[in-house]
Each structure stands twice: as C-alpha cells, then as structure tokens.
Amino acid sequence: MNLISQINNILKRFETGDKLKSYRDLQKIFKSNKDNSLLRYNLAVIQQELNLNQEAKINYIHLIKTENNLKAMINLYNIYISEANYYEALNTIESILKKEIMENVVKDKAFVLYKLNRIEEAKNICLFYLKKNNKNLGFLSVIGQCFFHEGNYDEAIKIFENILQIDTKNLSALNSLARTYHEKREKVKAETYYLKALKINKLSFYLLNNIAGFYREELSYDKAIDYYNRAL
C-alpha cells in the first residue's frame, strides 16, 4: 500500500471514531516521512481536533515557513482565537490578507478586532460587507456583538432578530438575544431565548454555561447547579 493510501485509510478511521489509535498510527508514519507536507498537514489537523494545540501549531508554523501554506495559516489563527491569543491571530490574518482577500478571513479579522476592543474598526469592516450583502450572517453576528459590547442593546437586539429572520435556528443569535435581554434586566425574555436555544442544542457547553450563569444571577441556585452539572 502506497503512502497516500495509508494516510487516507487512517483519516477514514479517524472520522469513524477510532481517533487516538488513528493519531498514533499517523504519527508512526510521519516519523519516517517528515518531509511530506501533506502528511504533516493532516497530522496537524488531527492534533487540532484532539486539542493538542501546541503540537498542531508547531506543524502549521513549519508549513508556513517552508511553503507559505495558506490552509495552515487559516488553521493556525483559529487556534490562536480558541486560545484568546488575539494579537497573534490578527498578525496571522493580516499575513493572509496581504496574499489574498478572503471574505471569511475578513469576517474573522472583524471578530478579532472586536475582541481586542477595536470596536469602530470591527464595525466599519462589517458595514462595508453588509452593504454588499445585508444577509451575511457572519458580519451581522460580529456587528451585533459590537453593539452589545458598547451597551447599545436595542441595536444589538435588532441585529440578532434580523439574523433569526434569516436563520430561525441560529444558536448564536438566540444565545446573544438571551444575554442582551438579561443585561436589560428583562429576565423573562432572556430565559425564553435561552430555552429556545437549548431545544436546538442540548449539548452546547457554551450555552449550558451561560444558562447556568443566568440562573445564578437570578438566585435560582438549584437550576444553576443543574445546568453547571450538565456543562461539566
């Protein structure tokens, strides 16, 4: 069996659930084929999926240095975002955009700028792209978060409701509406949106944690404990 077939077989096994063994098998092959860029990239992707981020970053950075691998750059900045390392994420995003303007990467740039509290820059990017397509959910979500961050809750609500008109099951918009109404001290509406989101995805750690926090702040401690336990 040639190397490509071996890699493909291991990747198929990884996708069907035998993740750790598949990863170890791919590592064994990689030890004797470290010059193979495709193998290194797939190894990094698996490492990223297994939350072995340090190992994944080493391989992505190697691919970027040796061949300016664009996919590696995209995956690398997503790791930085997951680690809340927004400065490194922005640097990597800027490097990509110097080579090629990619709308999804620009959206991620707006998100990172929002996280860095560069709100006006984030909003300007979103507004530019929303003029082209006012139904772009990615840019709508980021600008909604910007309004929320500024305490402009009414505008944030308009944005999140707009998202739900386009996608009625948008978990992020439902969660954001719940958070926004809670900030406005409209707890009945906040709870309603949290429970709507929960019907869509009962296994979202992020959502369960937010609901638990909502009930904790509302002094409903038994419910808070229940949802924290679910999150755990």
Protein backbone atom coordinates (compact mmCIF):
# COMPACT_ATOMS: atom_id res chain seq x y z
CA MET A 1 0.00 0.00 0.00
CA ASN A 2 1.46 3.38 -1.00
CA LEU A 3 1.81 6.33 1.39
CA ILE A 4 -1.24 8.25 0.12
CA SER A 5 -3.46 5.19 0.54
CA GLN A 6 -2.12 4.65 4.06
CA ILE A 7 -2.86 8.25 5.01
CA ASN A 8 -6.38 8.08 3.54
CA ASN A 9 -7.18 4.86 5.37
CA ILE A 10 -6.02 6.33 8.68
CA LEU A 11 -8.05 9.52 8.10
CA LYS A 12 -11.16 7.45 7.37
CA ARG A 13 -10.67 5.52 10.61
CA PHE A 14 -10.20 8.79 12.47
CA GLU A 15 -13.51 10.10 11.13
CA THR A 16 -15.37 6.94 12.15
CA GLY A 17 -14.34 7.35 15.78
CA ASP A 18 -11.09 5.46 16.34
CA LYS A 19 -9.35 8.75 16.96
CA LEU A 20 -6.44 8.10 19.32
CA LYS A 21 -5.28 4.92 17.59
CA SER A 22 -5.56 6.63 14.20
CA TYR A 23 -3.50 9.53 15.52
CA ARG A 24 -0.78 7.20 16.84
CA ASP A 25 -0.69 5.33 13.52
CA LEU A 26 -0.30 8.59 11.62
CA GLN A 27 2.48 9.65 13.99
CA LYS A 28 4.40 6.44 13.27
CA ILE A 29 4.23 7.06 9.53
CA PHE A 30 5.21 10.70 10.00
CA LYS A 31 8.42 9.79 11.87
CA SER A 32 9.84 8.29 8.69
CA ASN A 33 8.25 10.79 6.28
CA LYS A 34 8.81 14.20 7.87
CA ASP A 35 9.42 15.86 4.52
CA ASN A 36 5.92 15.00 3.31
CA SER A 37 3.91 18.24 3.58
CA LEU A 38 0.53 16.58 3.05
CA LEU A 39 1.24 14.14 5.86
CA ARG A 40 2.39 16.92 8.19
CA TYR A 41 -0.71 18.99 7.42
CA ASN A 42 -3.10 16.11 8.09
CA LEU A 43 -1.25 15.29 11.30
CA ALA A 44 -1.68 18.92 12.43
CA VAL A 45 -5.39 18.88 11.58
CA ILE A 46 -5.87 15.76 13.71
CA GLN A 47 -3.82 17.30 16.53
CA GLN A 48 -6.00 20.39 16.39
CA GLU A 49 -9.17 18.30 16.54
CA LEU A 50 -7.78 16.43 19.56
CA ASN A 51 -6.95 19.78 21.24
CA LEU A 52 -3.23 19.04 21.02
CA ASN A 53 -2.78 22.66 20.04
CA GLN A 54 0.92 23.04 20.85
CA GLU A 55 1.81 20.13 18.58
CA ALA A 56 -0.53 21.38 15.86
CA LYS A 57 0.96 24.88 15.99
CA ILE A 58 4.48 23.54 15.57
CA ASN A 59 3.46 21.71 12.41
CA TYR A 60 1.41 24.58 10.99
CA ILE A 61 4.25 27.06 11.62
CA HIS A 62 6.69 24.68 9.88
CA LEU A 63 4.39 24.51 6.83
CA ILE A 64 4.01 28.28 6.78
CA LYS A 65 7.76 28.87 6.97
CA THR A 66 8.66 26.28 4.35
CA GLU A 67 5.88 26.77 1.81
CA ASN A 68 3.57 29.62 2.89
CA ASN A 69 0.76 27.08 3.26
CA LEU A 70 -2.48 29.10 3.26
CA LYS A 71 -4.63 26.39 4.87
CA ALA A 72 -2.06 26.06 7.65
CA MET A 73 -2.25 29.82 8.24
CA ILE A 74 -6.05 29.73 8.50
CA ASN A 75 -5.99 26.80 10.92
CA LEU A 76 -3.23 28.45 12.94
CA TYR A 77 -5.12 31.68 13.53
CA ASN A 78 -8.20 29.67 14.52
CA ILE A 79 -6.11 28.01 17.22
CA TYR A 80 -4.93 31.42 18.39
CA ILE A 81 -8.56 32.58 18.57
CA SER A 82 -9.52 29.49 20.60
CA GLU A 83 -6.67 30.34 22.99
CA ALA A 84 -7.79 34.00 23.18
CA ASN A 85 -4.40 34.94 21.74
CA TYR A 86 -5.95 37.65 19.61
CA TYR A 87 -2.78 39.59 18.81
CA GLU A 88 -1.16 36.54 17.18
CA ALA A 89 -4.44 35.73 15.46
CA LEU A 90 -4.58 39.23 13.97
CA ASN A 91 -0.96 39.07 12.81
CA THR A 92 -1.62 35.78 11.02
CA ILE A 93 -4.85 37.07 9.50
CA GLU A 94 -3.07 40.17 8.18
CA SER A 95 -0.43 37.94 6.57
CA ILE A 96 -3.16 36.00 4.77
CA LEU A 97 -4.96 39.13 3.56
CA LYS A 98 -1.75 40.50 2.09
CA LYS A 99 -1.71 37.45 -0.17
CA GLU A 100 -5.42 37.09 -0.86
CA ILE A 101 -8.61 38.87 0.22
CA MET A 102 -10.91 36.13 1.52
CA GLU A 103 -14.29 37.22 2.86
CA ASN A 104 -14.41 34.63 5.64
CA VAL A 105 -10.94 35.66 6.81
CA VAL A 106 -12.00 39.32 6.76
CA LYS A 107 -15.00 38.36 8.92
CA ASP A 108 -12.64 36.68 11.37
CA LYS A 109 -10.50 39.82 11.35
CA ALA A 110 -13.56 41.86 12.36
CA PHE A 111 -14.25 39.38 15.16
CA VAL A 112 -10.66 39.57 16.43
CA LEU A 113 -10.74 43.38 16.33
CA TYR A 114 -13.94 43.26 18.38
CA LYS A 115 -12.20 41.00 20.91
CA LEU A 116 -9.29 43.47 21.04
CA ASN A 117 -11.78 46.25 21.84
CA ARG A 118 -11.10 47.94 18.49
CA ILE A 119 -14.83 48.28 18.07
CA GLU A 120 -15.05 51.01 15.43
CA GLU A 121 -12.63 49.17 13.14
CA ALA A 122 -14.64 45.97 13.53
CA LYS A 123 -17.93 47.77 12.83
CA ASN A 124 -16.54 49.55 9.75
CA ILE A 125 -15.45 46.24 8.23
CA CYS A 126 -18.86 44.71 8.92
CA LEU A 127 -20.74 47.70 7.49
CA PHE A 128 -18.65 47.62 4.31
CA TYR A 129 -19.51 43.99 3.63
CA LEU A 130 -23.13 44.28 4.76
CA LYS A 131 -23.65 46.98 2.12
CA LYS A 132 -22.83 44.26 -0.42
CA ASN A 133 -24.93 41.60 1.28
CA ASN A 134 -27.15 42.59 4.20
CA LYS A 135 -27.91 38.92 4.93
CA ASN A 136 -24.34 37.87 5.65
CA LEU A 137 -24.76 36.09 9.00
CA GLY A 138 -21.07 36.25 9.91
CA PHE A 139 -20.80 40.03 9.65
CA LEU A 140 -24.23 40.52 11.21
CA SER A 141 -23.17 38.46 14.21
CA VAL A 142 -19.95 40.42 14.73
CA ILE A 143 -21.59 43.83 14.44
CA GLY A 144 -24.32 42.68 16.83
CA GLN A 145 -21.64 41.73 19.35
CA CYS A 146 -20.06 45.15 18.86
CA PHE A 147 -23.34 46.90 19.70
CA PHE A 148 -23.72 44.63 22.75
CA HIS A 149 -20.19 45.49 23.87
CA GLU A 150 -20.98 49.20 23.57
CA GLY A 151 -24.12 48.80 25.67
CA ASN A 152 -26.27 49.68 22.66
CA TYR A 153 -28.67 46.87 23.48
CA ASP A 154 -31.59 47.97 21.31
CA GLU A 155 -29.41 47.98 18.18
CA ALA A 156 -27.91 44.64 19.19
CA ILE A 157 -31.40 43.15 19.54
CA LYS A 158 -32.37 44.41 16.07
CA ILE A 159 -29.30 42.73 14.59
CA PHE A 160 -29.84 39.40 16.37
CA GLU A 161 -33.54 39.38 15.44
CA ASN A 162 -32.53 40.08 11.85
CA ILE A 163 -30.28 37.00 11.97
CA LEU A 164 -33.20 34.89 13.22
CA GLN A 165 -35.38 36.09 10.34
CA ILE A 166 -32.76 34.61 8.01
CA ASP A 167 -31.97 31.54 10.12
CA THR A 168 -34.63 30.72 12.71
CA LYS A 169 -32.41 28.15 14.45
CA ASN A 170 -29.28 30.27 14.71
CA LEU A 171 -27.92 29.23 18.10
CA SER A 172 -25.52 32.16 18.40
CA ALA A 173 -28.28 34.73 17.78
CA LEU A 174 -30.64 33.08 20.29
CA ASN A 175 -27.90 32.97 22.90
CA SER A 176 -26.96 36.59 22.19
CA LEU A 177 -30.56 37.74 22.47
CA ALA A 178 -30.83 35.99 25.83
CA ARG A 179 -27.66 37.68 27.08
CA THR A 180 -28.80 41.07 25.78
CA TYR A 181 -32.23 40.87 27.38
CA HIS A 182 -30.60 39.78 30.61
CA GLU A 183 -28.39 42.86 30.53
CA LYS A 184 -31.57 44.92 30.05
CA ARG A 185 -32.97 43.14 33.12
CA GLU A 186 -35.79 41.62 31.10
CA LYS A 187 -35.33 38.20 32.64
CA VAL A 188 -38.48 36.56 31.25
CA LYS A 189 -37.41 37.26 27.66
CA ALA A 190 -33.84 36.24 28.47
CA GLU A 191 -34.98 32.88 29.86
CA THR A 192 -37.29 32.34 26.87
CA TYR A 193 -34.44 32.74 24.38
CA TYR A 194 -32.08 30.57 26.42
CA LEU A 195 -34.64 27.75 26.48
CA LYS A 196 -35.32 28.14 22.74
CA ALA A 197 -31.59 27.75 22.11
CA LEU A 198 -31.44 24.76 24.42
CA LYS A 199 -34.13 22.97 22.39
CA ILE A 200 -31.89 23.25 19.36
CA ASN A 201 -28.71 22.04 21.04
CA LYS A 202 -28.82 20.45 24.49
CA LEU A 203 -25.11 19.62 24.41
CA SER A 204 -23.56 23.06 23.85
CA PHE A 205 -21.14 23.70 26.73
CA TYR A 206 -21.12 27.43 25.93
CA LEU A 207 -24.91 27.63 26.07
CA LEU A 208 -25.28 25.47 29.21
CA ASN A 209 -22.68 27.57 30.99
CA ASN A 210 -24.47 30.80 30.04
CA ILE A 211 -27.84 29.47 31.20
CA ALA A 212 -26.29 28.37 34.49
CA GLY A 213 -24.84 31.86 34.93
CA PHE A 214 -28.23 33.39 34.17
CA TYR A 215 -29.96 31.32 36.87
CA ARG A 216 -27.14 32.00 39.33
CA GLU A 217 -27.54 35.76 38.88
CA GLU A 218 -31.31 35.37 39.27
CA LEU A 219 -30.68 33.49 42.56
CA SER A 220 -32.24 30.29 41.19
CA TYR A 221 -29.39 28.24 42.63
CA ASP A 222 -30.87 24.77 42.15
CA LYS A 223 -31.36 25.42 38.43
CA ALA A 224 -27.90 26.97 38.19
CA ILE A 225 -26.31 23.89 39.78
CA ASP A 226 -28.27 21.61 37.44
CA TYR A 227 -27.01 23.42 34.33
CA TYR A 228 -23.44 23.68 35.62
CA ASN A 229 -23.52 19.91 36.17
CA ARG A 230 -24.78 19.42 32.63
CA ALA A 231 -21.96 21.61 31.36
CA LEU A 232 -19.43 19.53 33.31
